Protein backbone atom coordinates (compact mmCIF):
# COMPACT_ATOMS: atom_id res chain seq x y z
CA MET A 1 0.06 0.01 -0.03
CA ASP A 2 2.88 2.39 0.83
CA THR A 3 4.42 1.69 -2.50
CA PHE A 4 1.03 2.53 -4.20
CA VAL A 5 0.93 5.83 -2.29
CA SER A 6 4.48 6.57 -3.55
CA PHE A 7 3.55 5.98 -6.95
CA LEU A 8 0.72 8.37 -6.81
CA GLY A 9 3.00 10.87 -5.43
CA GLY A 10 5.12 10.49 -8.41
CA PHE A 11 2.28 11.94 -10.56
CA GLU A 12 1.86 14.62 -7.95
CA ALA A 13 5.56 15.55 -8.42
CA LEU A 14 4.95 16.20 -12.11
CA LEU A 15 2.65 18.87 -11.22
CA SER A 16 5.62 20.98 -10.13
CA TRP A 17 6.55 23.45 -12.85
CA GLU A 18 10.22 22.57 -12.64
CA VAL A 19 9.67 18.92 -13.08
CA LEU A 20 7.07 19.33 -15.65
CA GLY A 21 9.38 21.48 -17.63
CA PHE A 22 12.05 19.13 -17.62
CA MET A 23 9.83 16.29 -18.77
CA ILE A 24 8.39 18.33 -21.72
CA ALA A 25 11.83 19.48 -22.70
CA GLY A 26 13.22 15.85 -22.40
CA PHE A 27 10.32 14.67 -24.62
CA LEU A 28 11.10 17.29 -27.25
CA ILE A 29 14.80 16.57 -27.14
CA GLY A 30 14.03 12.75 -27.39
CA THR A 31 11.87 13.51 -30.35
CA PHE A 32 14.39 15.45 -32.18
CA PHE A 33 17.06 12.74 -31.66
CA GLY A 34 14.80 9.83 -32.33
CA ALA A 35 13.52 11.31 -35.58
CA MET A 36 16.94 12.30 -36.93
CA PRO A 37 18.45 9.27 -38.75
CA GLY A 38 21.70 8.24 -36.97
CA LEU A 39 20.79 9.94 -33.53
CA THR A 40 19.11 8.08 -30.94
CA SER A 41 17.77 8.58 -27.37
CA VAL A 42 20.98 6.83 -26.14
CA LEU A 43 22.93 9.67 -27.53
CA ALA A 44 20.65 12.32 -26.14
CA ILE A 45 20.88 11.00 -22.67
CA ALA A 46 24.67 10.54 -23.05
CA LEU A 47 25.02 14.25 -24.06
CA LEU A 48 22.84 15.36 -21.29
CA LEU A 49 24.47 13.13 -18.64
CA PRO A 50 26.99 16.01 -17.46
CA ILE A 51 23.86 18.18 -16.81
CA THR A 52 22.58 15.81 -14.17
CA TYR A 53 25.37 17.17 -11.82
CA THR A 54 23.74 20.34 -11.70
CA ILE A 55 20.13 19.57 -11.29
CA ASP A 56 18.12 17.56 -8.69
CA VAL A 57 17.76 13.82 -9.11
CA VAL A 58 14.04 13.89 -9.60
CA PRO A 59 14.08 16.28 -12.81
CA ALA A 60 17.00 14.36 -14.06
CA LEU A 61 15.25 10.97 -13.92
CA VAL A 62 12.07 12.46 -15.24
CA MET A 63 13.82 13.95 -18.24
CA CYS A 64 15.63 10.72 -18.91
CA ALA A 65 12.42 8.71 -18.85
CA SER A 66 10.68 11.24 -21.23
CA ILE A 67 13.75 11.24 -23.61
CA PHE A 68 13.57 7.37 -23.55
CA MET A 69 9.97 7.14 -24.44
CA ALA A 70 10.02 9.95 -26.99
CA GLY A 71 13.12 8.41 -28.81
CA MET A 72 11.59 5.15 -29.01
CA TYR A 73 8.33 6.62 -30.55
CA SER A 74 9.90 9.16 -32.92
CA GLY A 75 11.98 6.75 -34.84
CA SER A 76 8.90 5.92 -36.62
CA ILE A 77 8.67 9.48 -38.23
CA THR A 78 11.36 9.32 -40.64
CA ALA A 79 11.02 5.42 -40.92
CA THR A 80 7.61 6.14 -42.40
CA THR A 81 8.23 9.45 -44.31
CA ILE A 82 11.62 8.81 -46.00
CA ASN A 83 12.10 5.07 -45.16
CA ILE A 84 15.10 5.80 -43.01
CA PRO A 85 14.44 4.47 -39.34
CA GLY A 86 15.34 7.17 -36.85
CA ALA A 87 16.04 4.30 -34.44
CA PRO A 88 16.94 0.56 -34.98
CA SER A 89 13.79 -0.34 -33.25
CA SER A 90 11.65 1.23 -36.14
CA MET A 91 12.89 -0.98 -38.82
CA MET A 92 9.56 -3.02 -39.04
CA THR A 93 7.66 0.19 -39.09
CA ALA A 94 9.74 1.43 -41.98
CA VAL A 95 8.65 -1.56 -43.90
CA GLU A 96 4.85 -0.98 -43.41
CA GLY A 97 4.85 2.84 -42.94
CA ASN A 98 6.80 3.69 -46.06
CA ALA A 99 4.67 1.40 -48.10
CA LEU A 100 1.68 3.45 -46.98
CA MET A 101 3.50 6.63 -47.53
CA LEU A 102 4.11 5.71 -51.26
CA LYS A 103 0.33 4.99 -51.56
CA GLY A 104 -0.54 8.55 -50.24
CA HIS A 105 -1.31 7.48 -46.63
CA GLY A 106 1.69 8.64 -44.71
CA ALA A 107 -0.18 10.69 -42.29
CA ASN A 108 -2.46 7.71 -41.42
CA ALA A 109 0.56 5.52 -40.98
CA LEU A 110 2.16 8.05 -38.52
CA GLY A 111 -1.25 8.17 -36.60
CA HIS A 112 -1.14 4.51 -36.24
CA ALA A 113 2.45 4.50 -35.16
CA ALA A 114 1.58 7.17 -32.49
CA LEU A 115 -1.40 5.26 -31.40
CA GLY A 116 0.50 2.02 -31.01
CA SER A 117 3.27 3.74 -29.14
CA MET A 118 0.77 5.41 -26.87
CA ILE A 119 -0.92 2.24 -25.95
CA GLY A 120 2.12 0.13 -25.67
CA GLY A 121 3.93 2.70 -23.77
CA SER A 122 1.24 3.25 -21.25
CA ILE A 123 0.82 -0.42 -20.70
CA GLY A 124 4.54 -0.92 -20.20
CA ALA A 125 4.61 1.90 -17.66
CA LEU A 126 1.60 0.38 -15.82
CA LEU A 127 3.25 -3.05 -15.76
CA LEU A 128 6.29 -1.59 -14.46
CA MET A 129 4.51 0.08 -11.52
CA ALA A 130 2.38 -3.14 -10.93
CA PHE A 131 5.27 -5.62 -10.88
CA MET A 132 8.21 -3.54 -9.37
CA PRO A 133 7.08 -4.33 -5.71
CA ILE A 134 6.83 -8.00 -6.46
CA ALA A 135 10.27 -7.86 -8.15
CA GLY A 136 11.74 -6.14 -5.11
CA GLU A 137 10.47 -8.86 -2.71
CA LEU A 138 11.96 -11.53 -5.02
CA ALA A 139 15.20 -9.73 -5.21
CA LEU A 140 15.52 -9.72 -1.36
CA LEU A 141 15.74 -13.62 -1.55
CA ILE A 142 18.78 -13.71 -3.70
CA ARG A 143 22.12 -14.21 -1.94
CA THR A 144 25.53 -13.49 -2.99
CA PRO A 145 26.21 -16.64 -5.12
CA GLY A 146 22.81 -16.11 -6.63
CA LYS A 147 23.77 -12.57 -7.59
CA PHE A 148 26.89 -13.75 -9.34
CA SER A 149 24.93 -16.19 -11.35
CA LEU A 150 22.29 -13.43 -12.28
CA VAL A 151 25.10 -11.10 -13.43
CA LEU A 152 26.65 -14.01 -15.46
CA PHE A 153 23.26 -14.84 -16.89
CA ALA A 154 22.84 -11.00 -18.01
CA LEU A 155 26.34 -11.17 -19.59
CA VAL A 156 25.76 -14.60 -21.45
CA VAL A 157 22.40 -13.15 -22.92
CA ILE A 158 24.14 -10.04 -24.00
CA ILE A 159 26.70 -12.13 -25.82
CA ILE A 160 24.50 -14.54 -27.54
CA VAL A 161 21.71 -12.23 -28.56
CA ASP A 162 23.60 -11.77 -31.81
CA LYS A 163 24.21 -15.44 -32.46
CA GLY A 164 26.02 -14.59 -35.71
CA ALA A 165 28.79 -12.90 -33.87
CA ILE A 166 29.14 -14.69 -30.49
CA ALA A 167 32.92 -14.55 -30.41
CA LYS A 168 32.94 -10.92 -31.09
CA GLY A 169 30.43 -10.54 -28.28
CA ILE A 170 32.79 -12.25 -25.88
CA VAL A 171 35.69 -10.15 -26.91
CA ALA A 172 33.75 -6.82 -26.52
CA THR A 173 32.29 -7.89 -23.19
CA THR A 174 35.73 -9.05 -21.90
CA LEU A 175 37.19 -5.87 -23.04
CA GLY A 176 34.52 -3.93 -20.93
CA ILE A 177 35.22 -6.01 -17.90
CA MET A 178 38.98 -5.53 -18.20
CA LEU A 179 38.58 -1.75 -18.33
CA ALA A 180 36.47 -1.81 -15.27
CA THR A 181 39.46 -3.35 -13.31
CA VAL A 182 41.52 -0.27 -13.79
CA GLY A 183 41.79 1.61 -10.40
CA ILE A 184 40.93 0.87 -6.92
CA ASP A 185 40.20 -2.92 -6.15
CA VAL A 186 36.39 -3.54 -5.54
CA LEU A 187 36.91 -5.09 -2.15
CA GLN A 188 40.25 -3.69 -0.89
CA PRO A 189 41.60 -0.16 -0.92
CA ILE A 190 44.50 -1.25 -3.24
CA PRO A 191 45.23 0.38 -6.66
CA ARG A 192 45.66 -1.93 -9.66
CA PHE A 193 46.46 -1.60 -13.29
CA GLU A 194 47.21 2.06 -12.98
CA PHE A 195 50.29 1.84 -15.01
CA GLY A 196 52.41 3.97 -12.75
CA THR A 197 50.21 7.11 -13.25
CA GLU A 198 48.08 8.83 -10.62
CA LEU A 199 45.55 9.63 -13.23
CA LEU A 200 44.35 6.11 -13.37
CA VAL A 201 44.28 5.44 -9.51
CA GLU A 202 40.68 6.45 -9.46
CA GLY A 203 39.79 4.22 -12.37
CA ILE A 204 38.07 5.00 -15.66
CA GLY A 205 34.82 6.92 -15.13
CA LEU A 206 31.52 5.83 -16.65
CA MET A 207 31.10 9.33 -18.22
CA PRO A 208 34.03 9.19 -20.69
CA VAL A 209 33.05 5.62 -21.74
CA VAL A 210 29.44 6.42 -22.34
CA ILE A 211 30.14 9.66 -24.28
CA GLY A 212 32.96 7.93 -26.15
CA ALA A 213 31.17 4.82 -27.03
CA PHE A 214 27.75 6.47 -28.05
CA ALA A 215 28.46 10.01 -28.88
CA VAL A 216 31.95 10.27 -30.31
CA SER A 217 31.80 6.99 -32.18
CA GLU A 218 28.37 7.73 -33.71
CA LEU A 219 29.65 10.98 -35.07
CA LEU A 220 32.50 9.19 -36.62
CA VAL A 221 30.27 6.57 -38.12
CA GLN A 222 27.86 9.04 -39.54
CA ALA A 223 30.62 11.09 -40.97
CA GLN A 224 31.95 7.97 -42.82
CA ASN A 225 28.60 6.66 -43.86
CA TRP A 226 26.59 9.81 -44.89
CA ASN A 227 25.43 9.24 -48.33
CA LEU A 228 24.94 12.19 -50.57
CA SER A 229 22.45 10.36 -52.67
CA LEU A 230 20.03 10.70 -49.82
CA GLU A 231 19.77 14.49 -50.54
CA GLY A 232 17.10 13.90 -53.16
CA THR A 233 15.06 11.91 -50.77
CA LEU A 234 15.36 14.58 -47.90
CA LYS A 235 14.37 17.27 -50.55
CA ARG A 236 11.19 15.33 -51.44
CA ALA A 237 10.44 14.93 -47.70
CA LYS A 238 10.67 18.73 -47.07
CA ASP A 239 8.12 19.28 -49.71
CA LEU A 240 5.46 16.99 -48.05
CA LYS A 241 2.14 18.65 -47.00
CA ILE A 242 0.48 17.01 -44.27
CA ARG A 243 -2.77 18.24 -42.45
CA ARG A 244 -3.14 17.53 -38.68
CA ARG A 245 -6.50 15.91 -39.13
CA ASP A 246 -4.91 13.27 -41.30
CA PHE A 247 -3.00 11.93 -38.26
CA ILE A 248 -6.14 10.68 -36.50
CA PRO A 249 -6.76 6.97 -37.58
CA PRO A 250 -10.36 6.07 -38.36
CA TRP A 251 -12.22 4.18 -35.78
CA SER A 252 -12.93 1.41 -38.24
CA GLU A 253 -9.22 0.86 -38.89
CA ILE A 254 -8.52 0.65 -35.21
CA ARG A 255 -11.44 -1.77 -34.62
CA GLU A 256 -10.19 -3.89 -37.39
CA ILE A 257 -6.67 -4.17 -35.83
CA GLY A 258 -8.36 -4.96 -32.47
CA PHE A 259 -7.51 -3.77 -28.96
CA PHE A 260 -6.30 -7.33 -28.18
CA ALA A 261 -3.62 -6.94 -30.76
CA TYR A 262 -2.31 -3.77 -29.16
CA VAL A 263 -2.13 -5.46 -25.56
CA LYS A 264 -0.48 -8.69 -26.83
CA SER A 265 2.15 -6.88 -28.47
CA ALA A 266 2.66 -4.61 -25.36
CA PHE A 267 3.03 -7.67 -23.19
CA ILE A 268 5.53 -9.16 -25.59
CA GLY A 269 7.44 -5.90 -25.54
CA TYR A 270 7.49 -5.62 -21.87
CA SER A 271 8.65 -9.27 -21.52
CA ILE A 272 11.46 -8.88 -23.84
CA GLY A 273 12.38 -5.59 -22.11
CA ILE A 274 13.24 -7.51 -19.05
CA LEU A 275 15.85 -9.46 -20.81
CA PRO A 276 19.30 -7.75 -20.40
CA GLY A 277 20.51 -6.37 -23.72
CA ALA A 278 17.48 -7.29 -25.78
CA GLY A 279 16.23 -3.86 -26.58
CA GLY A 280 13.55 -2.32 -28.71
CA SER A 281 14.59 -4.10 -31.97
CA MET A 282 14.01 -7.46 -30.86
CA ALA A 283 10.72 -6.43 -29.21
CA ALA A 284 9.50 -4.91 -32.44
CA PHE A 285 10.61 -7.82 -34.56
CA VAL A 286 9.03 -10.46 -32.38
CA ALA A 287 5.73 -8.73 -31.98
CA TYR A 288 5.67 -8.03 -35.77
CA ALA A 289 6.20 -11.76 -36.56
CA ASP A 290 3.73 -12.81 -34.05
CA ALA A 291 1.06 -10.36 -35.40
CA LYS A 292 1.80 -11.67 -38.92
CA ARG A 293 1.50 -15.23 -37.84
CA SER A 294 -1.97 -14.60 -36.38
CA SER A 295 -3.26 -12.02 -38.67
CA LYS A 296 -6.37 -12.44 -40.92
CA LYS A 297 -4.70 -10.40 -43.69
CA PRO A 298 -1.06 -11.74 -43.75
CA GLU A 299 -0.76 -10.88 -47.37
CA GLU A 300 -0.85 -7.13 -46.48
CA TYR A 301 2.44 -7.36 -44.59
CA GLY A 302 5.26 -5.82 -46.37
CA HIS A 303 2.79 -3.87 -48.45
CA GLY A 304 1.52 -1.50 -45.92
CA SER A 305 -0.08 -3.30 -43.01
CA ARG A 306 -1.59 -1.02 -40.35
CA GLU A 307 -1.62 -4.12 -38.15
CA GLY A 308 2.05 -4.54 -38.49
CA ILE A 309 2.73 -0.90 -37.66
CA ALA A 310 0.58 -1.26 -34.52
CA ALA A 311 2.35 -4.44 -33.32
CA ALA A 312 5.78 -3.16 -33.80
CA GLU A 313 5.29 0.29 -32.16
CA SER A 314 3.29 -1.14 -29.30
CA ALA A 315 6.02 -3.56 -28.53
CA ASN A 316 9.00 -1.29 -28.77
CA ASN A 317 7.50 1.45 -26.54
CA SER A 318 6.19 -1.09 -23.97
CA MET A 319 9.83 -2.43 -23.86
CA CYS A 320 10.76 0.86 -22.23
CA GLY A 321 8.87 -0.07 -19.04
CA GLY A 322 10.31 -3.51 -18.98
CA ALA A 323 13.94 -2.52 -19.40
CA PHE A 324 13.70 -0.66 -16.06
CA VAL A 325 13.06 -3.69 -13.99
CA PRO A 326 16.47 -5.37 -14.11
CA MET A 327 18.21 -1.98 -13.95
CA LEU A 328 16.49 -0.85 -10.84
CA MET A 329 16.22 -4.19 -8.97
CA PHE A 330 19.74 -5.67 -9.84
CA GLY A 331 21.79 -3.01 -11.64
CA ILE A 332 21.60 -4.84 -14.74
CA PRO A 333 20.40 -2.63 -17.62
CA GLY A 334 17.78 -4.05 -19.96
CA ASP A 335 18.96 -1.97 -22.96
CA PRO A 336 21.55 0.71 -23.87
CA THR A 337 19.36 3.67 -22.79
CA THR A 338 18.78 2.21 -19.27
CA ALA A 339 22.58 1.52 -19.04
CA ILE A 340 22.93 5.33 -19.31
CA VAL A 341 20.20 5.92 -16.87
CA LEU A 342 21.91 3.65 -14.44
CA GLY A 343 24.73 6.15 -14.85
CA VAL A 344 22.44 8.99 -13.71
CA LEU A 345 21.35 6.95 -10.57
CA VAL A 346 25.03 6.34 -9.62
CA ILE A 347 26.06 10.00 -10.20
CA ASN A 348 23.28 11.00 -7.63
CA GLY A 349 24.27 8.44 -5.28
CA LEU A 350 21.37 6.05 -5.72
CA GLN A 351 22.30 2.41 -5.56
CA PRO A 352 20.18 0.04 -7.54
CA GLY A 353 18.78 -2.94 -5.63
CA PRO A 354 15.61 -4.30 -3.80
CA ARG A 355 15.87 -1.49 -1.16
CA LEU A 356 15.83 1.26 -3.51
CA LEU A 357 12.03 1.17 -4.05
CA GLU A 358 11.47 0.86 -0.27
CA GLN A 359 13.77 3.65 0.80
CA GLN A 360 13.66 5.95 -2.00
CA ALA A 361 10.55 5.51 -3.85
CA ASP A 362 9.81 9.30 -3.74
CA LEU A 363 12.83 9.69 -6.13
CA ILE A 364 12.04 6.86 -8.39
CA ALA A 365 8.21 7.16 -8.64
CA PRO A 366 8.24 10.40 -10.63
CA MET A 367 10.22 8.61 -13.31
CA PHE A 368 7.68 5.94 -13.65
CA ALA A 369 4.91 8.64 -13.86
CA SER A 370 6.98 10.47 -16.49
CA LEU A 371 6.96 7.23 -18.66
CA PHE A 372 3.27 6.91 -18.39
CA VAL A 373 2.47 10.59 -19.07
CA SER A 374 4.85 10.77 -21.90
CA ALA A 375 3.22 7.72 -23.60
CA LEU A 376 -0.49 8.55 -22.79
CA ILE A 377 -0.42 12.33 -23.36
CA LEU A 378 2.73 13.69 -24.97
CA ILE A 379 3.00 11.25 -27.87
CA PRO A 380 -0.47 12.08 -29.38
CA LEU A 381 -0.39 15.68 -28.28
CA THR A 382 3.12 16.21 -29.94
CA LEU A 383 2.06 14.40 -33.08
CA TYR A 384 -1.15 16.52 -33.49
CA LEU A 385 0.59 19.93 -32.73
CA LEU A 386 3.99 19.34 -34.28
CA GLY A 387 3.55 16.49 -36.81
CA PRO A 388 3.46 18.55 -39.90
CA TYR A 389 6.82 20.00 -39.05
CA PHE A 390 8.56 16.81 -37.88
CA ILE A 391 9.95 15.92 -41.24
CA LYS A 392 11.82 19.38 -41.36
CA ILE A 393 14.21 17.91 -38.86
CA VAL A 394 16.11 16.05 -41.48
CA SER A 395 16.71 19.38 -43.46
CA ILE A 396 19.24 20.57 -40.75
CA PRO A 397 22.79 20.75 -42.42
CA ARG A 398 24.64 17.68 -41.22
CA GLY A 399 27.84 19.36 -40.95
CA LEU A 400 26.51 22.04 -38.50
CA LEU A 401 24.51 19.33 -36.55
CA TYR A 402 27.39 16.87 -35.99
CA SER A 403 29.98 19.50 -35.26
CA SER A 404 27.69 20.93 -32.54
CA ILE A 405 27.11 17.70 -31.06
CA ALA A 406 30.94 16.84 -31.06
CA VAL A 407 31.60 20.12 -29.14
CA VAL A 408 28.73 19.34 -26.76
CA ALA A 409 30.08 15.76 -26.11
CA LEU A 410 33.66 16.70 -25.34
CA VAL A 411 32.83 19.91 -23.34
CA GLY A 412 30.15 17.92 -21.32
CA SER A 413 32.79 15.20 -20.48
CA TYR A 414 35.07 17.79 -19.21
CA VAL A 415 32.49 19.69 -17.17
CA ALA A 416 31.36 16.51 -15.61
CA THR A 417 34.66 15.93 -13.85
CA TYR A 418 36.74 19.16 -14.56
CA SER A 419 39.43 16.73 -15.84
CA THR A 420 41.12 17.16 -19.16
CA PHE A 421 42.33 13.50 -18.79
CA GLN A 422 38.77 12.33 -18.68
CA MET A 423 37.97 14.46 -21.79
CA PHE A 424 40.61 12.85 -23.73
CA LEU A 425 39.48 9.45 -22.53
CA ALA A 426 36.30 10.18 -24.02
CA LEU A 427 37.97 10.94 -27.39
CA ILE A 428 40.06 7.75 -27.06
CA PHE A 429 37.09 5.52 -26.24
CA GLY A 430 35.16 7.05 -29.15
CA VAL A 431 37.83 6.08 -31.66
CA LEU A 432 38.14 2.68 -29.94
CA ALA A 433 34.26 2.15 -30.39
CA PHE A 434 34.32 3.49 -33.78
CA PHE A 435 36.75 0.64 -34.84
CA LEU A 436 34.81 -1.92 -32.78
CA ARG A 437 31.66 -1.05 -34.63
CA LYS A 438 33.40 -0.99 -38.04
CA HIS A 439 34.38 -4.64 -37.49
CA ASN A 440 31.00 -5.56 -36.03
CA TYR A 441 31.84 -5.78 -32.47
CA SER A 442 29.16 -4.84 -30.05
CA VAL A 443 29.68 -1.49 -28.14
CA VAL A 444 26.62 -2.27 -26.08
CA ALA A 445 28.28 -5.54 -24.97
CA MET A 446 31.44 -3.50 -24.12
CA LEU A 447 29.56 -0.93 -22.07
CA LEU A 448 27.54 -3.54 -20.25
CA GLY A 449 30.63 -5.52 -19.42
CA PHE A 450 32.20 -2.21 -18.06
CA ILE A 451 29.14 -1.57 -15.99
CA LEU A 452 28.67 -5.09 -14.72
CA GLY A 453 32.13 -6.39 -14.40
CA PRO A 454 32.81 -4.98 -10.97
CA ASP A 455 29.63 -6.69 -9.56
CA LEU A 456 30.61 -9.89 -11.24
CA GLU A 457 34.05 -9.83 -9.71
CA GLN A 458 32.76 -8.68 -6.34
CA TYR A 459 30.03 -11.39 -5.96
CA LEU A 460 32.55 -14.04 -7.31
CA ARG A 461 35.26 -13.18 -4.79
CA ARG A 462 32.71 -12.98 -1.82
CA SER A 463 30.95 -16.20 -2.60
CA LEU A 464 34.35 -17.93 -2.84
CA SER A 465 35.63 -16.25 0.35
CA PHE A 466 32.47 -17.43 2.27
CA ASN A 467 33.10 -21.12 1.06
CA ASP A 468 36.71 -21.34 1.57
CA GLY A 469 37.35 -20.99 -2.11
CA ASN A 470 35.21 -23.89 -3.11
CA PRO A 471 33.10 -23.04 -6.29
CA ILE A 472 30.56 -25.74 -5.52
CA VAL A 473 28.64 -23.13 -3.65
CA PHE A 474 27.32 -21.95 -7.04
CA LEU A 475 25.56 -25.32 -7.51
CA THR A 476 24.42 -25.91 -3.81
CA SER A 477 22.76 -22.56 -3.47
CA LEU A 478 19.38 -22.80 -4.83
CA ASP A 479 19.00 -19.28 -6.17
CA SER A 480 22.45 -19.56 -7.97
CA LEU A 481 21.50 -22.98 -9.45
CA ALA A 482 18.20 -21.46 -10.66
CA PHE A 483 20.01 -18.70 -12.65
CA ILE A 484 22.59 -21.24 -14.02
CA ALA A 485 19.69 -23.34 -15.31
CA LEU A 486 18.04 -20.15 -16.75
CA THR A 487 21.27 -19.32 -18.58
CA VAL A 488 21.33 -22.63 -20.22
CA VAL A 489 17.74 -22.53 -21.15
CA PHE A 490 18.07 -19.09 -22.68
CA ALA A 491 21.15 -19.88 -24.47
CA TYR A 492 19.50 -22.98 -26.05
CA LEU A 493 16.29 -20.98 -26.94
CA ILE A 494 18.42 -18.09 -28.60
CA LEU A 495 20.91 -20.28 -30.40
CA ARG A 496 18.58 -22.96 -31.86
CA LYS A 497 17.42 -22.40 -35.26
CA LYS A 498 14.85 -19.65 -35.69
CA PRO A 499 11.39 -20.38 -37.33
CA LYS A 500 11.30 -19.50 -40.97
CA LEU A 501 9.74 -16.14 -41.68
CA ASP A 502 10.41 -15.88 -45.28
CA ALA A 503 7.50 -13.57 -45.98
CA ILE A 504 8.93 -10.89 -43.52
CA PRO A 505 10.89 -8.26 -45.62
């Protein structure tokens, strides 16, 4: 009951002009970054991470949540209008939305994408608030060996999600874990791997890793891949004339899709969001494939299916709620965006874990409320008011845009710590991440290895010290054994041959 009251207090906190202003500003920033091809909500939060040093924790978390939801939704804008997904999670929306765009129903496709995002995001936020107290109670039952096996489970899932590059996933994750060992030992006040310089005694900060891996490397990738042949497509996009009333989907189309389809896709997205490293892309694809399998009109898929848009958008926005569960309860991010939100928590002195919801629910609840309000109110409202101008975002000169982002990224990494060394580290990690991405190594796996590495080491060493160095403790502890079994099951399910979906583009 106390938790429920705290959640209601989260909505009350949004009535503050300061908090409300940060939520709206975050939503608009997330919409801009999500709609601009090549930019994502991950980059937006990474760039704004230094700002969290100067504002209270509640506005910071509220802004992060609204950026997350907006970035996930707004990827559908350019996916529909110019067939360039603003975010990877909008790939399936691009297949159906742009097909409708070419038939002259672009505004209708955007309306269905917004409706699916609104319903899915709202359900995901409600599920988050409903099951977080239960997850907290279960988390209290997990002992140290179980925590090690849980972190190991997360890392294994992250590695094998891309089953075509498991070896590269292992290398990237191991690299992240190795970087996390630089500095003070996790259990003893002894410096290690500082290579004789005082600059590394304190270790490598999360800030330069995040800004380098996601901001600097993204700029280098975009500079290398920007295709001048897209200019014609962007010019046609700027000439589009869209009326506001065209965004409202007819009731007959909504009824044909069916409310159950929205709810089912939202539950799929939420469930996938709980899995570490899965993300919106997997949620959208699984929901899209399931919708096609059960559709009465499967022949429409790939040629402008409104049902396909609804399924994909409901799932990827519902994933936002699910991704917060492992991050808040165990410190294990569900996707790249929550990995950076975890950094915001750490910066503000909040330690993820089962006690977080009990002791500091007043700080966390407004973030949940922001997710819900962003989905239920801000998504449809923003589309109706600003929809006709969304496509103008892509007309911003790329040289000006990317150079500005580069300055903000590097200055932000300096302001966060007032250390030129950390700023140069951000640049170094950016170049490193660029080459990793160029050779198809997962930067997300490296970041999650860096974040989870200290926990993995800490729980391993503590478990062994409690059991005289005998590793059998991981098999005799029931919670640990359960997570090891879960790891084996997930590895089998992910690595086995996928069902043939040849009709999916």
